[in-house]
Amino acid sequence: MKIVFIPALIVVLINKEQDMGRELIRDEVESIRDGATAICLSAEAAEDIIRERGYRDIDPENVWREWLAYKAD
């Protein structure tokens, strides 16, 4: 089983940062992750969603590190 965020967690974070007009801090990123909508799917169903999106979402267990890496690119 795999947790999949709907919409993708990265999209939620990008939108929140744009709405706020400033960079998010770690506590905000983690709070947004904790309050985001997610579903638990079989590995196969989760991979289908990833293929449909065309990208992998950031790992919720490493949300801050992956958010910073995304921002650095």
Protein backbone atom coordinates (compact mmCIF):
# COMPACT_ATOMS: atom_id res chain seq x y z
CA MET A 1 0.00 0.00 0.00
CA LYS A 2 1.13 3.51 -0.77
CA ILE A 3 -0.10 6.94 0.31
CA VAL A 4 -0.94 9.27 -2.58
CA PHE A 5 -1.78 12.95 -2.09
CA ILE A 6 -4.72 14.30 -4.07
CA PRO A 7 -3.83 16.84 -5.40
CA ALA A 8 -0.09 16.17 -5.40
CA LEU A 9 1.62 17.52 -2.28
CA ILE A 10 4.11 19.51 -4.36
CA VAL A 11 1.21 21.30 -6.08
CA VAL A 12 -0.40 22.12 -2.73
CA LEU A 13 2.88 23.57 -1.42
CA ILE A 14 3.54 25.61 -4.57
CA ASN A 15 0.02 27.06 -4.49
CA LYS A 16 0.23 27.88 -0.77
CA GLU A 17 3.54 29.66 -1.22
CA GLN A 18 2.14 31.67 -4.12
CA ASP A 19 -0.97 32.56 -2.09
CA MET A 20 1.16 33.71 0.84
CA GLY A 21 3.55 35.68 -1.38
CA ARG A 22 6.62 34.45 0.48
CA GLU A 23 8.66 31.31 1.05
CA LEU A 24 7.23 28.72 3.39
CA ILE A 25 9.08 27.79 6.55
CA ARG A 26 9.60 24.23 7.74
CA ASP A 27 6.73 24.25 10.25
CA GLU A 28 4.34 25.48 7.56
CA VAL A 29 5.46 22.85 5.04
CA GLU A 30 5.03 20.08 7.60
CA SER A 31 1.66 21.44 8.73
CA ILE A 32 0.42 21.62 5.14
CA ARG A 33 1.55 18.02 4.59
CA ASP A 34 -0.22 16.91 7.76
CA GLY A 35 -3.48 18.55 6.68
CA ALA A 36 -3.38 17.59 3.00
CA THR A 37 -5.81 15.10 1.51
CA ALA A 38 -4.28 11.68 0.89
CA ILE A 39 -5.53 8.23 0.02
CA CYS A 40 -4.01 4.80 0.51
CA LEU A 41 -3.75 2.76 -2.69
CA SER A 42 -2.19 -0.44 -3.85
CA ALA A 43 1.31 0.02 -5.25
CA GLU A 44 -0.01 -0.64 -8.76
CA ALA A 45 -2.80 1.94 -8.49
CA ALA A 46 -0.37 4.50 -7.05
CA GLU A 47 2.02 3.95 -9.97
CA ASP A 48 -0.90 4.46 -12.39
CA ILE A 49 -1.59 7.85 -10.84
CA ILE A 50 2.09 8.81 -11.04
CA ARG A 51 2.14 7.87 -14.73
CA GLU A 52 -1.01 9.92 -15.35
CA ARG A 53 0.49 12.94 -13.57
CA GLY A 54 3.76 12.62 -15.43
CA TYR A 55 5.88 13.24 -12.32
CA ARG A 56 6.56 11.84 -8.86
CA ASP A 57 5.32 13.77 -5.87
CA ILE A 58 7.67 14.67 -3.04
CA ASP A 59 8.08 12.11 -0.27
CA PRO A 60 5.91 13.08 2.70
CA GLU A 61 8.40 11.49 5.13
CA ASN A 62 11.14 13.82 3.83
CA VAL A 63 8.90 16.72 2.91
CA TRP A 64 11.17 19.55 4.08
CA ARG A 65 14.33 18.20 2.46
CA GLU A 66 12.55 17.44 -0.82
CA TRP A 67 10.78 20.81 -0.80
CA LEU A 68 14.14 22.56 -0.44
CA ALA A 69 15.59 20.42 -3.26
CA TYR A 70 12.65 21.31 -5.49
CA LYS A 71 13.12 25.01 -4.73
CA ALA A 72 16.85 24.79 -5.49
CA ASP A 73 16.21 23.47 -9.03
